Amino acid sequence: MANVKIKFVKHHEVQDEHAGTDKATVYEAGLTKAFEERSAQHFVTRGVAEYVSGSDKTGA
């Protein structure tokens, strides 16, 4: 799978067994990071990130 760059537009804490602890995975607003396509789509669909220009995806 191809990596896609996204930029987080708001603070997001991954809701897993580590949520709320010092081991939580947290993405701060403004962070740009590359993810596999499905993971990038997950964050964009939930409104916490947007595709970085040149990595825009339309459709699934």
N, C-alpha and C. Protein backbone atom coordinates (compact mmCIF):
# COMPACT_ATOMS: atom_id res chain seq x y z
N MET A 1 0.83 -1.19 0.00
CA MET A 1 0.00 0.00 0.00
C MET A 1 0.87 1.25 0.00
N ALA A 2 0.38 2.27 -0.64
CA ALA A 2 1.11 3.53 -0.72
C ALA A 2 0.92 4.35 0.55
N ASN A 3 1.94 5.12 0.89
CA ASN A 3 1.82 6.04 2.01
C ASN A 3 1.22 7.34 1.53
N VAL A 4 0.41 7.95 2.37
CA VAL A 4 -0.28 9.20 2.06
C VAL A 4 0.00 10.17 3.20
N LYS A 5 0.35 11.41 2.86
CA LYS A 5 0.60 12.42 3.89
C LYS A 5 -0.70 13.11 4.28
N ILE A 6 -0.88 13.25 5.59
CA ILE A 6 -2.01 14.00 6.11
C ILE A 6 -1.51 15.00 7.14
N LYS A 7 -2.33 16.02 7.39
CA LYS A 7 -2.03 17.01 8.41
C LYS A 7 -3.19 17.03 9.40
N PHE A 8 -2.87 16.87 10.66
CA PHE A 8 -3.91 16.89 11.69
C PHE A 8 -4.38 18.32 11.89
N VAL A 9 -5.69 18.51 11.92
CA VAL A 9 -6.28 19.84 12.06
C VAL A 9 -6.78 20.07 13.48
N LYS A 10 -6.78 19.02 14.29
CA LYS A 10 -7.12 19.16 15.70
C LYS A 10 -6.40 18.08 16.50
N HIS A 11 -6.28 18.32 17.77
CA HIS A 11 -5.66 17.35 18.69
C HIS A 11 -6.46 16.05 18.64
N HIS A 12 -5.76 14.93 18.55
CA HIS A 12 -6.44 13.63 18.50
C HIS A 12 -5.68 12.61 19.32
N GLU A 13 -6.39 11.94 20.23
CA GLU A 13 -5.82 10.85 21.01
C GLU A 13 -6.46 9.55 20.54
N VAL A 14 -5.63 8.59 20.19
CA VAL A 14 -6.12 7.29 19.72
C VAL A 14 -6.85 6.61 20.88
N GLN A 15 -8.06 6.15 20.60
CA GLN A 15 -8.88 5.51 21.62
C GLN A 15 -8.61 4.01 21.64
N ASP A 16 -7.58 3.63 22.38
CA ASP A 16 -7.24 2.22 22.53
C ASP A 16 -6.96 1.95 24.01
N GLU A 17 -6.35 0.84 24.31
CA GLU A 17 -6.11 0.48 25.72
C GLU A 17 -5.15 1.44 26.42
N HIS A 18 -4.45 2.29 25.68
CA HIS A 18 -3.51 3.24 26.27
C HIS A 18 -4.10 4.64 26.42
N ALA A 19 -5.32 4.87 25.94
CA ALA A 19 -5.94 6.18 26.01
C ALA A 19 -5.99 6.67 27.46
N GLY A 20 -5.64 7.93 27.64
CA GLY A 20 -5.68 8.52 28.97
C GLY A 20 -4.47 8.22 29.84
N THR A 21 -3.49 7.51 29.29
CA THR A 21 -2.28 7.18 30.05
C THR A 21 -1.08 7.87 29.42
N ASP A 22 0.07 7.73 30.07
CA ASP A 22 1.29 8.32 29.50
C ASP A 22 1.78 7.55 28.28
N LYS A 23 1.16 6.42 27.97
CA LYS A 23 1.52 5.62 26.79
C LYS A 23 0.58 5.88 25.61
N ALA A 24 -0.36 6.81 25.79
CA ALA A 24 -1.34 7.10 24.74
C ALA A 24 -0.65 7.62 23.48
N THR A 25 -1.22 7.27 22.33
CA THR A 25 -0.75 7.82 21.06
C THR A 25 -1.55 9.09 20.80
N VAL A 26 -0.83 10.21 20.70
CA VAL A 26 -1.46 11.52 20.54
C VAL A 26 -0.89 12.21 19.31
N TYR A 27 -1.77 12.80 18.51
CA TYR A 27 -1.37 13.59 17.35
C TYR A 27 -1.85 15.01 17.59
N GLU A 28 -0.93 15.96 17.59
CA GLU A 28 -1.26 17.36 17.84
C GLU A 28 -1.65 18.06 16.54
N ALA A 29 -2.52 19.06 16.65
CA ALA A 29 -2.92 19.85 15.49
C ALA A 29 -1.67 20.45 14.84
N GLY A 30 -1.61 20.39 13.53
CA GLY A 30 -0.47 20.92 12.77
C GLY A 30 0.55 19.87 12.39
N LEU A 31 0.49 18.69 13.02
CA LEU A 31 1.44 17.62 12.71
C LEU A 31 1.15 17.06 11.33
N THR A 32 2.18 16.93 10.50
CA THR A 32 2.07 16.29 9.19
C THR A 32 2.79 14.96 9.28
N LYS A 33 2.12 13.90 8.85
CA LYS A 33 2.66 12.55 9.00
C LYS A 33 2.17 11.68 7.84
N ALA A 34 2.99 10.72 7.43
CA ALA A 34 2.60 9.78 6.37
C ALA A 34 2.06 8.51 7.01
N PHE A 35 0.93 8.04 6.48
CA PHE A 35 0.30 6.81 6.92
C PHE A 35 -0.03 5.96 5.70
N GLU A 36 -0.28 4.68 5.92
CA GLU A 36 -0.83 3.85 4.86
C GLU A 36 -2.19 4.44 4.50
N GLU A 37 -2.60 4.23 3.26
CA GLU A 37 -3.81 4.84 2.73
C GLU A 37 -5.04 4.65 3.62
N ARG A 38 -5.26 3.44 4.10
CA ARG A 38 -6.45 3.17 4.93
C ARG A 38 -6.41 3.94 6.24
N SER A 39 -5.25 4.04 6.85
CA SER A 39 -5.12 4.78 8.11
C SER A 39 -5.34 6.27 7.87
N ALA A 40 -4.77 6.80 6.80
CA ALA A 40 -4.96 8.21 6.46
C ALA A 40 -6.45 8.50 6.25
N GLN A 41 -7.11 7.64 5.52
CA GLN A 41 -8.54 7.82 5.25
C GLN A 41 -9.33 7.80 6.56
N HIS A 42 -8.95 6.95 7.50
CA HIS A 42 -9.60 6.85 8.81
C HIS A 42 -9.61 8.21 9.51
N PHE A 43 -8.46 8.87 9.56
CA PHE A 43 -8.35 10.15 10.25
C PHE A 43 -9.08 11.26 9.50
N VAL A 44 -8.98 11.27 8.17
CA VAL A 44 -9.64 12.30 7.36
C VAL A 44 -11.16 12.16 7.47
N THR A 45 -11.66 10.94 7.38
CA THR A 45 -13.10 10.69 7.47
C THR A 45 -13.67 11.18 8.79
N ARG A 46 -12.90 11.07 9.85
CA ARG A 46 -13.35 11.49 11.18
C ARG A 46 -13.19 12.98 11.43
N GLY A 47 -12.63 13.68 10.46
CA GLY A 47 -12.53 15.14 10.57
C GLY A 47 -11.39 15.65 11.43
N VAL A 48 -10.43 14.79 11.76
CA VAL A 48 -9.31 15.23 12.59
C VAL A 48 -8.06 15.54 11.76
N ALA A 49 -8.12 15.24 10.46
CA ALA A 49 -6.97 15.49 9.58
C ALA A 49 -7.46 15.79 8.17
N GLU A 50 -6.54 16.33 7.37
CA GLU A 50 -6.84 16.57 5.95
C GLU A 50 -5.65 16.10 5.14
N TYR A 51 -5.91 15.76 3.90
CA TYR A 51 -4.83 15.33 3.01
C TYR A 51 -3.92 16.51 2.71
N VAL A 52 -2.62 16.26 2.65
CA VAL A 52 -1.64 17.28 2.29
C VAL A 52 -1.69 17.43 0.77
N SER A 53 -1.59 18.64 0.29
CA SER A 53 -1.63 18.92 -1.14
C SER A 53 -0.70 17.97 -1.89
N GLY A 54 -1.22 17.39 -2.96
CA GLY A 54 -0.45 16.43 -3.74
C GLY A 54 -0.73 15.00 -3.31
N SER A 55 -1.38 14.84 -2.15
CA SER A 55 -1.73 13.50 -1.66
C SER A 55 -3.24 13.34 -1.58
N ASP A 56 -3.99 14.31 -2.13
CA ASP A 56 -5.45 14.25 -2.04
C ASP A 56 -5.98 12.96 -2.63
N LYS A 57 -6.96 12.40 -1.96
CA LYS A 57 -7.62 11.18 -2.43
C LYS A 57 -9.10 11.50 -2.60
N THR A 58 -9.65 11.10 -3.72
CA THR A 58 -11.08 11.25 -3.94
C THR A 58 -11.65 9.87 -4.14
N GLY A 59 -12.74 9.61 -3.47
CA GLY A 59 -13.30 8.26 -3.54
C GLY A 59 -12.52 7.32 -2.66
N ALA A 60 -12.80 6.01 -2.80
CA ALA A 60 -12.12 5.05 -1.93
C ALA A 60 -11.26 4.12 -2.70
